[in-house]
C-alpha atoms as a PDB file:
ATOM      1  CA  MET A   1      76.172-116.324 142.415  1.00  0.00           C
ATOM      2  CA  ALA A   2      74.885-117.041 138.891  1.00  0.00           C
ATOM      3  CA  THR A   3      73.952-113.383 138.439  1.00  0.00           C
ATOM      4  CA  ARG A   4      77.401-112.219 139.486  1.00  0.00           C
ATOM      5  CA  HIS A   5      79.141-114.735 137.214  1.00  0.00           C
ATOM      6  CA  ALA A   6      76.881-113.856 134.283  1.00  0.00           C
ATOM      7  CA  LYS A   7      77.676-110.161 134.740  1.00  0.00           C
ATOM      8  CA  GLU A   8      81.408-110.912 134.781  1.00  0.00           C
ATOM      9  CA  LEU A   9      81.090-112.899 131.555  1.00  0.00           C
ATOM     10  CA  ALA A  10      79.038-110.092 130.028  1.00  0.00           C
ATOM     11  CA  GLU A  11      81.726-107.545 130.901  1.00  0.00           C
ATOM     12  CA  GLN A  12      84.338-109.749 129.267  1.00  0.00           C
ATOM     13  CA  ALA A  13      82.155-110.052 126.166  1.00  0.00           C
ATOM     14  CA  VAL A  14      81.860-106.269 125.958  1.00  0.00           C
ATOM     15  CA  GLN A  15      85.622-105.855 126.189  1.00  0.00           C
ATOM     16  CA  LYS A  16      86.285-108.512 123.536  1.00  0.00           C
ATOM     17  CA  SER A  17      83.727-107.486 120.956  1.00  0.00           C
ATOM     18  CA  ARG A  18      82.704-103.987 120.067  1.00  0.00           C
ATOM     19  CA  LYS A  19      81.037-105.188 116.859  1.00  0.00           C
ATOM     20  CA  VAL A  20      77.322-105.684 117.351  1.00  0.00           C
ATOM     21  CA  GLY A  21      74.532-106.693 115.080  1.00  0.00           C
ATOM     22  CA  LYS A  22      76.376-109.553 113.398  1.00  0.00           C
ATOM     23  CA  LYS A  23      76.096-112.118 116.181  1.00  0.00           C
ATOM     24  CA  PRO A  24      74.228-111.810 119.453  1.00  0.00           C
ATOM     25  CA  VAL A  25      76.217-111.909 122.648  1.00  0.00           C
ATOM     26  CA  ALA A  26      76.413-115.487 123.878  1.00  0.00           C
ATOM     27  CA  LEU A  27      77.361-116.282 127.433  1.00  0.00           C
ATOM     28  CA  PRO A  28      78.336-119.867 128.209  1.00  0.00           C
ATOM     29  CA  THR A  29      76.191-121.316 130.975  1.00  0.00           C
ATOM     30  CA  PRO A  30      77.561-123.688 133.580  1.00  0.00           C
ATOM     31  CA  GLN A  31      76.793-127.373 133.217  1.00  0.00           C
ATOM     32  CA  ILE A  32      75.069-129.122 136.099  1.00  0.00           C
ATOM     33  CA  SER A  33      74.660-132.869 136.272  1.00  0.00           C
ATOM     34  CA  SER A  34      74.318-135.683 138.735  1.00  0.00           C
ATOM     35  CA  PRO A  35      74.013-139.443 138.337  1.00  0.00           C
ATOM     36  CA  ASP A  36      71.492-139.451 141.208  1.00  0.00           C
ATOM     37  CA  PRO A  37      67.953-139.826 139.768  1.00  0.00           C
ATOM     38  CA  GLU A  38      66.392-138.200 142.850  1.00  0.00           C
ATOM     39  CA  LEU A  39      68.091-134.923 141.966  1.00  0.00           C
ATOM     40  CA  ARG A  40      66.866-134.860 138.367  1.00  0.00           C
ATOM     41  CA  ASN A  41      63.949-132.467 139.051  1.00  0.00           C
ATOM     42  CA  VAL A  42      66.024-130.187 141.264  1.00  0.00           C
ATOM     43  CA  ILE A  43      68.770-129.995 138.650  1.00  0.00           C
ATOM     44  CA  ARG A  44      66.252-129.257 135.885  1.00  0.00           C
ATOM     45  CA  GLU A  45      64.772-126.373 137.880  1.00  0.00           C
ATOM     46  CA  ALA A  46      68.218-125.023 138.722  1.00  0.00           C
ATOM     47  CA  ARG A  47      69.254-125.184 135.054  1.00  0.00           C
ATOM     48  CA  GLN A  48      66.147-123.284 133.992  1.00  0.00           C
ATOM     49  CA  LYS A  49      66.738-120.541 136.553  1.00  0.00           C
ATOM     50  CA  ILE A  50      70.453-120.246 135.804  1.00  0.00           C
ATOM     51  CA  ASN A  51      69.832-120.199 132.045  1.00  0.00           C
ATOM     52  CA  ALA A  52      67.281-117.418 132.536  1.00  0.00           C
ATOM     53  CA  VAL A  53      69.849-115.354 134.460  1.00  0.00           C
ATOM     54  CA  TYR A  54      72.487-115.836 131.762  1.00  0.00           C
ATOM     55  CA  ARG A  55      69.984-115.138 128.970  1.00  0.00           C
ATOM     56  CA  GLN A  56      68.961-111.850 130.610  1.00  0.00           C
ATOM     57  CA  ALA A  57      72.606-110.865 131.116  1.00  0.00           C
ATOM     58  CA  ALA A  58      73.275-111.550 127.425  1.00  0.00           C
ATOM     59  CA  ILE A  59      70.256-109.444 126.415  1.00  0.00           C
ATOM     60  CA  ASP A  60      71.332-106.602 128.702  1.00  0.00           C
ATOM     61  CA  THR A  61      74.858-106.736 127.291  1.00  0.00           C
ATOM     62  CA  GLU A  62      73.617-106.699 123.711  1.00  0.00           C
ATOM     63  CA  LEU A  63      71.414-103.683 124.457  1.00  0.00           C
ATOM     64  CA  ALA A  64      74.302-101.867 126.119  1.00  0.00           C
ATOM     65  CA  LEU A  65      76.520-102.495 123.098  1.00  0.00           C
ATOM     66  CA  LEU A  66      73.811-101.298 120.708  1.00  0.00           C
ATOM     67  CA  MET A  67      73.268 -98.123 122.742  1.00  0.00           C
ATOM     68  CA  ALA A  68      77.012 -97.465 122.864  1.00  0.00           C
ATOM     69  CA  ARG A  69      77.244 -97.872 119.095  1.00  0.00           C
ATOM     70  CA  LYS A  70      74.295 -95.530 118.573  1.00  0.00           C
ATOM     71  CA  LEU A  71      75.883 -92.895 120.818  1.00  0.00           C
ATOM     72  CA  ALA A  72      79.176 -93.214 118.953  1.00  0.00           C
ATOM     73  CA  GLU A  73      77.379 -92.757 115.627  1.00  0.00           C
ATOM     74  CA  GLU A  74      75.552 -89.675 116.928  1.00  0.00           C
ATOM     75  CA  ASP A  75      78.813 -88.186 118.211  1.00  0.00           C
ATOM     76  CA  GLU A  76      80.420 -88.793 114.831  1.00  0.00           C
ATOM     77  CA  GLU A  77      77.484 -87.181 113.027  1.00  0.00           C
ATOM     78  CA  GLU A  78      77.671 -84.129 115.297  1.00  0.00           C
ATOM     79  CA  ALA A  79      81.407 -83.791 114.643  1.00  0.00           C
ATOM     80  CA  ILE A  80      80.822 -83.924 110.891  1.00  0.00           C
ATOM     81  CA  LEU A  81      78.088 -81.291 111.116  1.00  0.00           C
ATOM     82  CA  LEU A  82      80.336 -79.027 113.157  1.00  0.00           C
ATOM     83  CA  LEU A  83      83.058 -79.301 110.528  1.00  0.00           C
ATOM     84  CA  LEU A  84      80.665 -78.227 107.797  1.00  0.00           C
END
């Protein structure tokens, strides 16, 4: 579920921002809490795993944006060369 939600957030980030390199893509992670002290360790482990999923989705999104920008630059360079 976390992977699916992280991918959805990543897709939204791609649609909102085509500018890369200035700020890394940041995906907000869900907050998990419980007043029950017995669940503290379980919640900590779940947070770590969920944060890792969201971090990897943000990295993948940033790489995809960088590759798209590089391809756009190469296409532009080719068009300029063809015009010369």
